[in-house]
């Protein structure tokens, strides 16, 4: 049986409001049977501390549900923020959705 994969694509500035929406979406996905969540950050231009907290919360939600979370299409600003805060250690990152599909979905 193939895992259920859902892709979320936040956009603009990932702040407190959008972060709350992201947490809610992730929670809804894992409670409705999603096995893998991919957060595509291609259209995110900036992440503030609340947005970063939302991403960390999303990881906790997914792990507690026994699922997996990955991120892709991380721009330079977001990559730098991840590295400065050491959050890059908790995310498995991919260059884009195609790399995610090649590395994760083809191995299942």
PDB file of N, CA and C in Angstrom:
ATOM      1  N   UNK A   1       0.838  -1.184   0.000  1.00  0.00           N
ATOM      2  CA  UNK A   1       0.000   0.000   0.000  1.00  0.00           C
ATOM      3  C   UNK A   1       0.886   1.251   0.000  1.00  0.00           C
ATOM      4  N   UNK A   2       0.642   2.148  -0.924  1.00  0.00           N
ATOM      5  CA  UNK A   2       1.424   3.370  -1.032  1.00  0.00           C
ATOM      6  C   UNK A   2       1.068   4.349   0.076  1.00  0.00           C
ATOM      7  N   UNK A   3       2.073   5.067   0.579  1.00  0.00           N
ATOM      8  CA  UNK A   3       1.777   6.062   1.612  1.00  0.00           C
ATOM      9  C   UNK A   3       1.011   7.238   1.015  1.00  0.00           C
ATOM     10  N   UNK A   4       0.233   7.894   1.848  1.00  0.00           N
ATOM     11  CA  UNK A   4      -0.496   9.087   1.430  1.00  0.00           C
ATOM     12  C   UNK A   4       0.434  10.280   1.644  1.00  0.00           C
ATOM     13  N   UNK A   5       0.719  10.999   0.551  1.00  0.00           N
ATOM     14  CA  UNK A   5       1.617  12.145   0.583  1.00  0.00           C
ATOM     15  C   UNK A   5       0.821  13.398   0.260  1.00  0.00           C
ATOM     16  N   UNK A   6       0.991  14.422   1.083  1.00  0.00           N
ATOM     17  CA  UNK A   6       0.341  15.716   0.842  1.00  0.00           C
ATOM     18  C   UNK A   6       1.404  16.803   0.825  1.00  0.00           C
ATOM     19  N   UNK A   7       1.214  17.769  -0.065  1.00  0.00           N
ATOM     20  CA  UNK A   7       2.156  18.869  -0.213  1.00  0.00           C
ATOM     21  C   UNK A   7       1.472  20.172   0.187  1.00  0.00           C
ATOM     22  N   UNK A   8       2.134  20.906   1.078  1.00  0.00           N
ATOM     23  CA  UNK A   8       1.658  22.229   1.473  1.00  0.00           C
ATOM     24  C   UNK A   8       2.606  23.260   0.880  1.00  0.00           C
ATOM     25  N   UNK A   9       2.028  24.365   0.354  1.00  0.00           N
ATOM     26  CA  UNK A   9       2.841  25.417  -0.259  1.00  0.00           C
ATOM     27  C   UNK A   9       2.489  26.775   0.353  1.00  0.00           C
ATOM     28  N   UNK A  10       3.057  27.058   1.535  1.00  0.00           N
ATOM     29  CA  UNK A  10       2.821  28.399   2.081  1.00  0.00           C
ATOM     30  C   UNK A  10       3.456  29.441   1.166  1.00  0.00           C
ATOM     31  N   UNK A  11       3.064  30.709   1.329  1.00  0.00           N
ATOM     32  CA  UNK A  11       3.588  31.757   0.455  1.00  0.00           C
ATOM     33  C   UNK A  11       3.776  33.049   1.224  1.00  0.00           C
ATOM     34  N   UNK A  12       4.559  33.946   0.640  1.00  0.00           N
ATOM     35  CA  UNK A  12       4.762  35.260   1.233  1.00  0.00           C
ATOM     36  C   UNK A  12       5.621  35.200   2.475  1.00  0.00           C
ATOM     37  N   UNK A  13       5.133  35.810   3.541  1.00  0.00           N
ATOM     38  CA  UNK A  13       5.842  35.839   4.812  1.00  0.00           C
ATOM     39  C   UNK A  13       5.201  34.825   5.746  1.00  0.00           C
ATOM     40  N   UNK A  14       6.011  33.912   6.246  1.00  0.00           N
ATOM     41  CA  UNK A  14       5.512  32.921   7.197  1.00  0.00           C
ATOM     42  C   UNK A  14       5.692  33.536   8.583  1.00  0.00           C
ATOM     43  N   UNK A  15       4.584  34.104   9.076  1.00  0.00           N
ATOM     44  CA  UNK A  15       4.600  34.782  10.363  1.00  0.00           C
ATOM     45  C   UNK A  15       3.629  34.084  11.308  1.00  0.00           C
ATOM     46  N   UNK A  16       3.226  34.753  12.368  1.00  0.00           N
ATOM     47  CA  UNK A  16       2.324  34.154  13.347  1.00  0.00           C
ATOM     48  C   UNK A  16       1.001  33.699  12.770  1.00  0.00           C
ATOM     49  N   UNK A  17       0.393  34.515  11.943  1.00  0.00           N
ATOM     50  CA  UNK A  17      -0.916  34.180  11.368  1.00  0.00           C
ATOM     51  C   UNK A  17      -0.793  33.021  10.386  1.00  0.00           C
ATOM     52  N   UNK A  18       0.118  33.145   9.447  1.00  0.00           N
ATOM     53  CA  UNK A  18       0.297  32.055   8.469  1.00  0.00           C
ATOM     54  C   UNK A  18       0.865  30.805   9.133  1.00  0.00           C
ATOM     55  N   UNK A  19       1.668  30.994  10.160  1.00  0.00           N
ATOM     56  CA  UNK A  19       2.206  29.857  10.900  1.00  0.00           C
ATOM     57  C   UNK A  19       1.104  29.074  11.594  1.00  0.00           C
ATOM     58  N   UNK A  20       0.159  29.801  12.176  1.00  0.00           N
ATOM     59  CA  UNK A  20      -0.984  29.141  12.819  1.00  0.00           C
ATOM     60  C   UNK A  20      -1.787  28.343  11.791  1.00  0.00           C
ATOM     61  N   UNK A  21      -2.004  28.929  10.624  1.00  0.00           N
ATOM     62  CA  UNK A  21      -2.711  28.235   9.549  1.00  0.00           C
ATOM     63  C   UNK A  21      -1.962  26.977   9.129  1.00  0.00           C
ATOM     64  N   UNK A  22      -0.638  27.077   9.033  1.00  0.00           N
ATOM     65  CA  UNK A  22       0.184  25.934   8.643  1.00  0.00           C
ATOM     66  C   UNK A  22       0.066  24.807   9.668  1.00  0.00           C
ATOM     67  N   UNK A  23       0.162  25.146  10.945  1.00  0.00           N
ATOM     68  CA  UNK A  23       0.013  24.123  12.005  1.00  0.00           C
ATOM     69  C   UNK A  23      -1.337  23.439  11.911  1.00  0.00           C
ATOM     70  N   UNK A  24      -2.378  24.229  11.698  1.00  0.00           N
ATOM     71  CA  UNK A  24      -3.730  23.663  11.588  1.00  0.00           C
ATOM     72  C   UNK A  24      -3.830  22.730  10.378  1.00  0.00           C
ATOM     73  N   UNK A  25      -3.271  23.154   9.249  1.00  0.00           N
ATOM     74  CA  UNK A  25      -3.306  22.311   8.047  1.00  0.00           C
ATOM     75  C   UNK A  25      -2.552  21.005   8.267  1.00  0.00           C
ATOM     76  N   UNK A  26      -1.381  21.085   8.876  1.00  0.00           N
ATOM     77  CA  UNK A  26      -0.594  19.879   9.144  1.00  0.00           C
ATOM     78  C   UNK A  26      -1.361  18.953  10.073  1.00  0.00           C
ATOM     79  N   UNK A  27      -1.938  19.500  11.125  1.00  0.00           N
ATOM     80  CA  UNK A  27      -2.714  18.691  12.057  1.00  0.00           C
ATOM     81  C   UNK A  27      -3.890  18.022  11.353  1.00  0.00           C
ATOM     82  N   UNK A  28      -4.586  18.772  10.516  1.00  0.00           N
ATOM     83  CA  UNK A  28      -5.717  18.204   9.767  1.00  0.00           C
ATOM     84  C   UNK A  28      -5.257  17.065   8.854  1.00  0.00           C
ATOM     85  N   UNK A  29      -4.107  17.244   8.217  1.00  0.00           N
ATOM     86  CA  UNK A  29      -3.604  16.215   7.302  1.00  0.00           C
ATOM     87  C   UNK A  29      -3.283  14.917   8.034  1.00  0.00           C
ATOM     88  N   UNK A  30      -2.587  15.020   9.148  1.00  0.00           N
ATOM     89  CA  UNK A  30      -2.188  13.785   9.830  1.00  0.00           C
ATOM     90  C   UNK A  30      -3.360  13.103  10.518  1.00  0.00           C
ATOM     91  N   UNK A  31      -4.385  13.867  10.868  1.00  0.00           N
ATOM     92  CA  UNK A  31      -5.559  13.237  11.488  1.00  0.00           C
ATOM     93  C   UNK A  31      -6.485  12.617  10.453  1.00  0.00           C
ATOM     94  N   UNK A  32      -6.263  12.926   9.181  1.00  0.00           N
ATOM     95  CA  UNK A  32      -7.098  12.334   8.127  1.00  0.00           C
ATOM     96  C   UNK A  32      -6.352  11.293   7.303  1.00  0.00           C
ATOM     97  N   UNK A  33      -5.230  10.798   7.838  1.00  0.00           N
ATOM     98  CA  UNK A  33      -4.583   9.663   7.199  1.00  0.00           C
ATOM     99  C   UNK A  33      -3.389   9.944   6.323  1.00  0.00           C
ATOM    100  N   UNK A  34      -2.848  11.148   6.354  1.00  0.00           N
ATOM    101  CA  UNK A  34      -1.649  11.449   5.577  1.00  0.00           C
ATOM    102  C   UNK A  34      -0.438  10.829   6.266  1.00  0.00           C
ATOM    103  N   UNK A  35       0.433  10.196   5.491  1.00  0.00           N
ATOM    104  CA  UNK A  35       1.629   9.559   6.038  1.00  0.00           C
ATOM    105  C   UNK A  35       2.869  10.448   5.936  1.00  0.00           C
ATOM    106  N   UNK A  36       2.936  11.227   4.845  1.00  0.00           N
ATOM    107  CA  UNK A  36       4.092  12.082   4.592  1.00  0.00           C
ATOM    108  C   UNK A  36       3.597  13.475   4.214  1.00  0.00           C
ATOM    109  N   UNK A  37       4.161  14.490   4.883  1.00  0.00           N
ATOM    110  CA  UNK A  37       3.853  15.883   4.568  1.00  0.00           C
ATOM    111  C   UNK A  37       5.119  16.524   4.012  1.00  0.00           C
ATOM    112  N   UNK A  38       4.991  17.131   2.839  1.00  0.00           N
ATOM    113  CA  UNK A  38       6.083  17.900   2.247  1.00  0.00           C
ATOM    114  C   UNK A  38       5.672  19.369   2.273  1.00  0.00           C
ATOM    115  N   UNK A  39       6.494  20.195   2.902  1.00  0.00           N
ATOM    116  CA  UNK A  39       6.240  21.637   2.901  1.00  0.00           C
ATOM    117  C   UNK A  39       7.182  22.257   1.883  1.00  0.00           C
ATOM    118  N   UNK A  40       6.598  22.754   0.801  1.00  0.00           N
ATOM    119  CA  UNK A  40       7.350  23.378  -0.289  1.00  0.00           C
ATOM    120  C   UNK A  40       7.428  24.871   0.001  1.00  0.00           C
ATOM    121  N   UNK A  41       8.637  25.354   0.290  1.00  0.00           N
ATOM    122  CA  UNK A  41       8.831  26.749   0.693  1.00  0.00           C
ATOM    123  C   UNK A  41       9.222  27.665  -0.465  1.00  0.00           C
ATOM    124  N   UNK A  42       8.988  27.218  -1.675  1.00  0.00           N
ATOM    125  CA  UNK A  42       9.389  27.988  -2.861  1.00  0.00           C
ATOM    126  C   UNK A  42       8.847  29.408  -2.853  1.00  0.00           C
ATOM    127  N   UNK A  43       7.601  29.594  -2.444  1.00  0.00           N
ATOM    128  CA  UNK A  43       6.973  30.911  -2.499  1.00  0.00           C
ATOM    129  C   UNK A  43       7.049  31.677  -1.182  1.00  0.00           C
ATOM    130  N   UNK A  44       7.798  31.157  -0.212  1.00  0.00           N
ATOM    131  CA  UNK A  44       7.990  31.853   1.064  1.00  0.00           C
ATOM    132  C   UNK A  44       9.210  32.758   0.926  1.00  0.00           C
ATOM    133  N   UNK A  45       8.983  34.046   1.116  1.00  0.00           N
ATOM    134  CA  UNK A  45      10.056  35.023   0.959  1.00  0.00           C
ATOM    135  C   UNK A  45      10.787  35.297   2.264  1.00  0.00           C
ATOM    136  N   UNK A  46      10.092  35.122   3.394  1.00  0.00           N
ATOM    137  CA  UNK A  46      10.677  35.448   4.693  1.00  0.00           C
ATOM    138  C   UNK A  46       9.960  34.645   5.771  1.00  0.00           C
ATOM    139  N   UNK A  47      10.707  34.200   6.769  1.00  0.00           N
ATOM    140  CA  UNK A  47      10.125  33.512   7.920  1.00  0.00           C
ATOM    141  C   UNK A  47      10.561  34.259   9.170  1.00  0.00           C
ATOM    142  N   UNK A  48       9.585  34.674   9.993  1.00  0.00           N
ATOM    143  CA  UNK A  48       9.946  35.305  11.257  1.00  0.00           C
ATOM    144  C   UNK A  48       9.971  34.246  12.359  1.00  0.00           C
ATOM    145  N   UNK A  49      10.211  34.662  13.595  1.00  0.00           N
ATOM    146  CA  UNK A  49      10.343  33.703  14.690  1.00  0.00           C
ATOM    147  C   UNK A  49       9.057  32.910  14.922  1.00  0.00           C
ATOM    148  N   UNK A  50       7.905  33.532  14.725  1.00  0.00           N
ATOM    149  CA  UNK A  50       6.634  32.816  14.886  1.00  0.00           C
ATOM    150  C   UNK A  50       6.471  31.761  13.794  1.00  0.00           C
ATOM    151  N   UNK A  51       6.872  32.090  12.579  1.00  0.00           N
ATOM    152  CA  UNK A  51       6.809  31.130  11.485  1.00  0.00           C
ATOM    153  C   UNK A  51       7.754  29.970  11.709  1.00  0.00           C
ATOM    154  N   UNK A  52       8.936  30.273  12.232  1.00  0.00           N
ATOM    155  CA  UNK A  52       9.900  29.225  12.546  1.00  0.00           C
ATOM    156  C   UNK A  52       9.334  28.306  13.635  1.00  0.00           C
ATOM    157  N   UNK A  53       8.708  28.909  14.639  1.00  0.00           N
ATOM    158  CA  UNK A  53       8.072  28.122  15.694  1.00  0.00           C
ATOM    159  C   UNK A  53       6.971  27.237  15.145  1.00  0.00           C
ATOM    160  N   UNK A  54       6.244  27.738  14.157  1.00  0.00           N
ATOM    161  CA  UNK A  54       5.173  26.952  13.541  1.00  0.00           C
ATOM    162  C   UNK A  54       5.740  25.741  12.810  1.00  0.00           C
ATOM    163  N   UNK A  55       6.866  25.909  12.142  1.00  0.00           N
ATOM    164  CA  UNK A  55       7.494  24.783  11.446  1.00  0.00           C
ATOM    165  C   UNK A  55       7.973  23.728  12.447  1.00  0.00           C
ATOM    166  N   UNK A  56       8.546  24.178  13.560  1.00  0.00           N
ATOM    167  CA  UNK A  56       8.982  23.238  14.594  1.00  0.00           C
ATOM    168  C   UNK A  56       7.775  22.519  15.188  1.00  0.00           C
ATOM    169  N   UNK A  57       6.690  23.246  15.423  1.00  0.00           N
ATOM    170  CA  UNK A  57       5.455  22.619  15.921  1.00  0.00           C
ATOM    171  C   UNK A  57       4.917  21.599  14.932  1.00  0.00           C
ATOM    172  N   UNK A  58       5.012  21.922  13.649  1.00  0.00           N
ATOM    173  CA  UNK A  58       4.546  20.995  12.615  1.00  0.00           C
ATOM    174  C   UNK A  58       5.328  19.692  12.673  1.00  0.00           C
ATOM    175  N   UNK A  59       6.638  19.787  12.902  1.00  0.00           N
ATOM    176  CA  UNK A  59       7.461  18.586  13.022  1.00  0.00           C
ATOM    177  C   UNK A  59       6.975  17.743  14.197  1.00  0.00           C
ATOM    178  N   UNK A  60       6.703  18.395  15.325  1.00  0.00           N
ATOM    179  CA  UNK A  60       6.233  17.670  16.513  1.00  0.00           C
ATOM    180  C   UNK A  60       4.884  17.003  16.257  1.00  0.00           C
ATOM    181  N   UNK A  61       3.977  17.714  15.605  1.00  0.00           N
ATOM    182  CA  UNK A  61       2.656  17.166  15.298  1.00  0.00           C
ATOM    183  C   UNK A  61       2.794  15.917  14.443  1.00  0.00           C
ATOM    184  N   UNK A  62       3.616  16.003  13.412  1.00  0.00           N
ATOM    185  CA  UNK A  62       3.797  14.896  12.479  1.00  0.00           C
ATOM    186  C   UNK A  62       4.460  13.698  13.170  1.00  0.00           C
ATOM    187  N   UNK A  63       5.486  13.964  13.941  1.00  0.00           N
ATOM    188  CA  UNK A  63       6.182  12.864  14.646  1.00  0.00           C
ATOM    189  C   UNK A  63       5.261  12.185  15.652  1.00  0.00           C
ATOM    190  N   UNK A  64       4.480  12.983  16.383  1.00  0.00           N
ATOM    191  CA  UNK A  64       3.555  12.403  17.359  1.00  0.00           C
ATOM    192  C   UNK A  64       2.499  11.532  16.702  1.00  0.00           C
ATOM    193  N   UNK A  65       2.198  11.823  15.452  1.00  0.00           N
ATOM    194  CA  UNK A  65       1.209  11.038  14.709  1.00  0.00           C
ATOM    195  C   UNK A  65       1.856   9.836  14.010  1.00  0.00           C
ATOM    196  N   UNK A  66       3.176   9.693  14.137  1.00  0.00           N
ATOM    197  CA  UNK A  66       3.867   8.584  13.491  1.00  0.00           C
ATOM    198  C   UNK A  66       4.068   8.785  12.005  1.00  0.00           C
ATOM    199  N   UNK A  67       4.073  10.036  11.582  1.00  0.00           N
ATOM    200  CA  UNK A  67       4.219  10.358  10.163  1.00  0.00           C
ATOM    201  C   UNK A  67       5.586  11.006   9.934  1.00  0.00           C
ATOM    202  N   UNK A  68       5.825  11.464   8.703  1.00  0.00           N
ATOM    203  CA  UNK A  68       7.086  12.107   8.356  1.00  0.00           C
ATOM    204  C   UNK A  68       6.819  13.465   7.729  1.00  0.00           C
ATOM    205  N   UNK A  69       7.760  14.392   7.960  1.00  0.00           N
ATOM    206  CA  UNK A  69       7.664  15.727   7.384  1.00  0.00           C
ATOM    207  C   UNK A  69       8.989  16.071   6.725  1.00  0.00           C
ATOM    208  N   UNK A  70       8.908  16.633   5.530  1.00  0.00           N
ATOM    209  CA  UNK A  70      10.073  17.073   4.783  1.00  0.00           C
ATOM    210  C   UNK A  70       9.812  18.494   4.282  1.00  0.00           C
ATOM    211  N   UNK A  71      10.893  19.212   3.952  1.00  0.00           N
ATOM    212  CA  UNK A  71      10.752  20.538   3.342  1.00  0.00           C
ATOM    213  C   UNK A  71      11.560  20.565   2.051  1.00  0.00           C
ATOM    214  N   UNK A  72      11.149  21.420   1.131  1.00  0.00           N
ATOM    215  CA  UNK A  72      11.897  21.586  -0.112  1.00  0.00           C
ATOM    216  C   UNK A  72      11.829  23.031  -0.571  1.00  0.00           C
ATOM    217  N   UNK A  73      12.649  23.336  -1.557  1.00  0.00           N
ATOM    218  CA  UNK A  73      12.685  24.650  -2.209  1.00  0.00           C
ATOM    219  C   UNK A  73      12.959  25.770  -1.211  1.00  0.00           C
ATOM    220  N   UNK A  74      13.966  25.567  -0.380  1.00  0.00           N
ATOM    221  CA  UNK A  74      14.327  26.540   0.651  1.00  0.00           C
ATOM    222  C   UNK A  74      15.221  27.612   0.028  1.00  0.00           C
ATOM    223  N   UNK A  75      14.794  28.882   0.135  1.00  0.00           N
ATOM    224  CA  UNK A  75      15.612  29.964  -0.427  1.00  0.00           C
ATOM    225  C   UNK A  75      16.769  30.308   0.515  1.00  0.00           C
ATOM    226  N   UNK A  76      17.642  31.197   0.089  1.00  0.00           N
ATOM    227  CA  UNK A  76      18.848  31.515   0.864  1.00  0.00           C
ATOM    228  C   UNK A  76      18.529  32.114   2.228  1.00  0.00           C
ATOM    229  N   UNK A  77      17.537  33.012   2.306  1.00  0.00           N
ATOM    230  CA  UNK A  77      17.188  33.635   3.584  1.00  0.00           C
ATOM    231  C   UNK A  77      16.701  32.587   4.567  1.00  0.00           C
ATOM    232  N   UNK A  78      15.846  31.701   4.114  1.00  0.00           N
ATOM    233  CA  UNK A  78      15.284  30.667   4.983  1.00  0.00           C
ATOM    234  C   UNK A  78      16.374  29.668   5.367  1.00  0.00           C
ATOM    235  N   UNK A  79      17.221  29.307   4.433  1.00  0.00           N
ATOM    236  CA  UNK A  79      18.336  28.389   4.717  1.00  0.00           C
ATOM    237  C   UNK A  79      19.236  28.979   5.798  1.00  0.00           C
ATOM    238  N   UNK A  80      19.549  30.274   5.679  1.00  0.00           N
ATOM    239  CA  UNK A  80      20.396  30.930   6.668  1.00  0.00           C
ATOM    240  C   UNK A  80      19.727  30.933   8.044  1.00  0.00           C
ATOM    241  N   UNK A  81      18.429  31.217   8.083  1.00  0.00           N
ATOM    242  CA  UNK A  81      17.687  31.195   9.339  1.00  0.00           C
ATOM    243  C   UNK A  81      17.716  29.795   9.952  1.00  0.00           C
ATOM    244  N   UNK A  82      17.491  28.775   9.139  1.00  0.00           N
ATOM    245  CA  UNK A  82      17.539  27.391   9.620  1.00  0.00           C
ATOM    246  C   UNK A  82      18.915  27.080  10.220  1.00  0.00           C
ATOM    247  N   UNK A  83      19.976  27.506   9.535  1.00  0.00           N
ATOM    248  CA  UNK A  83      21.324  27.211  10.000  1.00  0.00           C
ATOM    249  C   UNK A  83      21.665  27.979  11.272  1.00  0.00           C
ATOM    250  N   UNK A  84      21.303  29.260  11.334  1.00  0.00           N
ATOM    251  CA  UNK A  84      21.599  30.077  12.516  1.00  0.00           C
ATOM    252  C   UNK A  84      20.889  29.559  13.770  1.00  0.00           C
ATOM    253  N   UNK A  85      19.694  29.061  13.588  1.00  0.00           N
ATOM    254  CA  UNK A  85      18.903  28.583  14.727  1.00  0.00           C
ATOM    255  C   UNK A  85      19.063  27.083  14.948  1.00  0.00           C
ATOM    256  N   UNK A  86      19.873  26.451  14.110  1.00  0.00           N
ATOM    257  CA  UNK A  86      20.128  25.003  14.181  1.00  0.00           C
ATOM    258  C   UNK A  86      18.887  24.162  13.893  1.00  0.00           C
ATOM    259  N   UNK A  87      17.859  24.774  13.335  1.00  0.00           N
ATOM    260  CA  UNK A  87      16.634  24.061  12.976  1.00  0.00           C
ATOM    261  C   UNK A  87      16.881  23.151  11.778  1.00  0.00           C
ATOM    262  N   UNK A  88      17.916  23.455  11.003  1.00  0.00           N
ATOM    263  CA  UNK A  88      18.219  22.614   9.844  1.00  0.00           C
ATOM    264  C   UNK A  88      18.516  21.174  10.256  1.00  0.00           C
ATOM    265  N   UNK A  89      18.832  20.946  11.518  1.00  0.00           N
ATOM    266  CA  UNK A  89      19.112  19.595  12.008  1.00  0.00           C
ATOM    267  C   UNK A  89      17.853  18.743  12.143  1.00  0.00           C
ATOM    268  N   UNK A  90      16.693  19.381  12.236  1.00  0.00           N
ATOM    269  CA  UNK A  90      15.463  18.594  12.420  1.00  0.00           C
ATOM    270  C   UNK A  90      14.681  18.388  11.129  1.00  0.00           C
ATOM    271  N   UNK A  91      15.075  19.094  10.076  1.00  0.00           N
ATOM    272  CA  UNK A  91      14.383  18.963   8.798  1.00  0.00           C
ATOM    273  C   UNK A  91      15.234  18.209   7.790  1.00  0.00           C
ATOM    274  N   UNK A  92      14.626  17.289   7.104  1.00  0.00           N
ATOM    275  CA  UNK A  92      15.246  16.688   5.924  1.00  0.00           C
ATOM    276  C   UNK A  92      14.827  17.587   4.767  1.00  0.00           C
ATOM    277  N   UNK A  93      15.812  18.223   4.115  1.00  0.00           N
ATOM    278  CA  UNK A  93      15.528  19.199   3.068  1.00  0.00           C
ATOM    279  C   UNK A  93      15.860  18.626   1.693  1.00  0.00           C
ATOM    280  N   UNK A  94      15.085  19.070   0.708  1.00  0.00           N
ATOM    281  CA  UNK A  94      15.312  18.702  -0.680  1.00  0.00           C
ATOM    282  C   UNK A  94      15.358  19.968  -1.511  1.00  0.00           C
ATOM    283  N   UNK A  95      16.086  19.912  -2.616  1.00  0.00           N
ATOM    284  CA  UNK A  95      16.213  21.065  -3.501  1.00  0.00           C
ATOM    285  C   UNK A  95      14.846  21.498  -4.027  1.00  0.00           C
ATOM    286  N   UNK A  96      14.040  20.524  -4.444  1.00  0.00           N
ATOM    287  CA  UNK A  96      12.709  20.812  -4.987  1.00  0.00           C
ATOM    288  C   UNK A  96      11.844  19.556  -4.882  1.00  0.00           C
ATOM    289  N   UNK A  97      10.618  19.653  -5.369  1.00  0.00           N
ATOM    290  CA  UNK A  97       9.697  18.515  -5.298  1.00  0.00           C
ATOM    291  C   UNK A  97      10.204  17.326  -6.099  1.00  0.00           C
ATOM    292  N   UNK A  98      10.878  17.586  -7.192  1.00  0.00           N
ATOM    293  CA  UNK A  98      11.393  16.482  -8.017  1.00  0.00           C
ATOM    294  C   UNK A  98      12.433  15.668  -7.263  1.00  0.00           C
ATOM    295  N   UNK A  99      13.336  16.347  -6.573  1.00  0.00           N
ATOM    296  CA  UNK A  99      14.343  15.623  -5.787  1.00  0.00           C
ATOM    297  C   UNK A  99      13.670  14.815  -4.673  1.00  0.00           C
ATOM    298  N   UNK A 100      12.666  15.404  -4.028  1.00  0.00           N
ATOM    299  CA  UNK A 100      11.903  14.691  -3.000  1.00  0.00           C
ATOM    300  C   UNK A 100      11.296  13.416  -3.584  1.00  0.00           C
ATOM    301  N   UNK A 101      10.668  13.546  -4.741  1.00  0.00           N
ATOM    302  CA  UNK A 101      10.032  12.382  -5.372  1.00  0.00           C
ATOM    303  C   UNK A 101      11.059  11.315  -5.716  1.00  0.00           C
ATOM    304  N   UNK A 102      12.200  11.734  -6.260  1.00  0.00           N
ATOM    305  CA  UNK A 102      13.243  10.776  -6.629  1.00  0.00           C
ATOM    306  C   UNK A 102      13.796  10.046  -5.409  1.00  0.00           C
ATOM    307  N   UNK A 103      14.059  10.776  -4.337  1.00  0.00           N
ATOM    308  CA  UNK A 103      14.727  10.177  -3.184  1.00  0.00           C
ATOM    309  C   UNK A 103      13.784   9.463  -2.221  1.00  0.00           C
ATOM    310  N   UNK A 104      12.587   9.985  -2.057  1.00  0.00           N
ATOM    311  CA  UNK A 104      11.675   9.421  -1.059  1.00  0.00           C
ATOM    312  C   UNK A 104      10.622   8.523  -1.684  1.00  0.00           C
ATOM    313  N   UNK A 105       9.932   9.019  -2.661  1.00  0.00           N
ATOM    314  CA  UNK A 105       8.804   8.261  -3.197  1.00  0.00           C
ATOM    315  C   UNK A 105       9.224   7.046  -4.017  1.00  0.00           C
ATOM    316  N   UNK A 106      10.344   7.137  -4.702  1.00  0.00           N
ATOM    317  CA  UNK A 106      10.780   5.984  -5.495  1.00  0.00           C
ATOM    318  C   UNK A 106      11.366   4.880  -4.624  1.00  0.00           C
ATOM    319  N   UNK A 107      11.737   5.232  -3.388  1.00  0.00           N
ATOM    320  CA  UNK A 107      12.312   4.213  -2.495  1.00  0.00           C
ATOM    321  C   UNK A 107      11.247   3.499  -1.673  1.00  0.00           C
ATOM    322  N   UNK A 108      10.011   3.894  -1.796  1.00  0.00           N
ATOM    323  CA  UNK A 108       8.933   3.268  -1.006  1.00  0.00           C
ATOM    324  C   UNK A 108       8.338   2.072  -1.708  1.00  0.00           C
TER     325      UNK A 108
END
